[in-house]
Amino acid sequence: MRTSQLNPSKESRFWGWFFVSAGSIFFVGFLFAAVISKLLPPSDIAIISTIQDDWYYCFLVPLTLPVIVVAVYFHWLSMKMFKHA
């Protein structure tokens, strides 16, 4: 193995932590918008009230999962056909 694989640079370590942090923040934000905000009592804050009244994101993920399953199946099928062609 090369030493660059064993000892990542500070820049690659920064970008790794950046993407993990950004993904975690987006996940928590989506979880709040889709689930937690619906369980809270009505709010006087305009942004939270708007998020509570919106139902788009509550239906987005459950309706996207079947499409992801079909896409993953076709990806697997095309890789098998390519490998054995």
Protein backbone atom coordinates (compact mmCIF):
# COMPACT_ATOMS: atom_id res chain seq x y z
CA MET A 1 0.00 0.00 0.00
CA ARG A 2 1.06 3.54 -0.60
CA THR A 3 1.66 5.75 2.38
CA SER A 4 -0.96 8.23 1.13
CA GLN A 5 -3.65 5.58 1.65
CA LEU A 6 -2.53 4.87 5.19
CA ASN A 7 -2.04 8.49 6.23
CA PRO A 8 -4.71 10.77 4.71
CA SER A 9 -3.90 14.43 4.27
CA LYS A 10 -5.48 17.14 6.39
CA GLU A 11 -7.48 18.34 3.40
CA SER A 12 -9.08 14.95 2.75
CA ARG A 13 -9.77 14.55 6.45
CA PHE A 14 -11.44 17.99 6.47
CA TRP A 15 -13.65 17.12 3.49
CA GLY A 16 -14.57 13.80 5.06
CA TRP A 17 -15.71 15.44 8.28
CA PHE A 18 -17.43 18.19 6.29
CA PHE A 19 -19.55 15.71 4.31
CA VAL A 20 -20.37 13.62 7.38
CA SER A 21 -21.39 16.77 9.29
CA ALA A 22 -23.44 18.19 6.41
CA GLY A 23 -25.21 14.85 5.92
CA SER A 24 -26.00 14.64 9.62
CA ILE A 25 -27.37 18.19 9.69
CA PHE A 26 -29.57 17.57 6.65
CA PHE A 27 -30.82 14.29 8.15
CA VAL A 28 -31.78 15.95 11.44
CA GLY A 29 -33.45 18.82 9.54
CA PHE A 30 -35.46 16.40 7.42
CA LEU A 31 -36.39 14.34 10.47
CA PHE A 32 -37.66 17.49 12.17
CA ALA A 33 -39.62 18.61 9.08
CA ALA A 34 -41.14 15.20 8.36
CA VAL A 35 -41.83 13.73 11.80
CA ILE A 36 -41.02 15.82 14.85
CA SER A 37 -42.76 19.03 13.75
CA LYS A 38 -46.04 17.15 13.27
CA LEU A 39 -45.94 15.93 16.87
CA LEU A 40 -45.36 19.38 18.40
CA PRO A 41 -48.22 21.70 19.38
CA PRO A 42 -48.98 24.58 16.97
CA SER A 43 -46.34 27.30 17.07
CA ASP A 44 -46.49 31.09 16.77
CA ILE A 45 -43.12 31.17 14.98
CA ALA A 46 -43.74 31.60 11.24
CA ILE A 47 -41.07 29.18 9.97
CA ILE A 48 -42.01 26.37 12.36
CA SER A 49 -45.71 26.92 11.65
CA THR A 50 -45.03 26.66 7.91
CA ILE A 51 -43.07 23.44 8.39
CA GLN A 52 -45.88 22.00 10.54
CA ASP A 53 -48.51 22.79 7.90
CA ASP A 54 -46.49 21.30 5.02
CA TRP A 55 -47.09 17.62 4.20
CA TYR A 56 -44.81 17.30 1.16
CA TYR A 57 -41.78 15.84 2.96
CA CYS A 58 -43.89 13.40 4.97
CA PHE A 59 -44.89 11.70 1.74
CA LEU A 60 -41.63 12.20 -0.18
CA VAL A 61 -39.52 9.44 1.38
CA PRO A 62 -42.17 6.69 1.56
CA LEU A 63 -43.09 7.31 -2.09
CA THR A 64 -39.44 7.44 -3.15
CA LEU A 65 -38.51 4.06 -1.62
CA PRO A 66 -40.26 1.90 -4.29
CA VAL A 67 -38.52 3.89 -7.02
CA ILE A 68 -35.15 3.34 -5.33
CA VAL A 69 -35.82 -0.43 -5.07
CA VAL A 70 -36.60 -0.62 -8.80
CA ALA A 71 -33.54 1.48 -9.69
CA VAL A 72 -31.24 -0.70 -7.58
CA TYR A 73 -32.69 -3.86 -9.15
CA PHE A 74 -32.15 -2.54 -12.69
CA HIS A 75 -28.63 -1.46 -11.77
CA TRP A 76 -27.86 -4.95 -10.46
CA LEU A 77 -29.43 -6.54 -13.53
CA SER A 78 -27.44 -4.37 -15.94
CA MET A 79 -24.19 -5.13 -14.09
CA LYS A 80 -24.92 -8.88 -14.30
CA MET A 81 -25.65 -8.61 -18.03
CA PHE A 82 -22.48 -6.60 -18.59
CA LYS A 83 -20.38 -9.05 -16.59
CA HIS A 84 -21.65 -12.13 -18.42
CA ALA A 85 -21.87 -10.65 -21.92
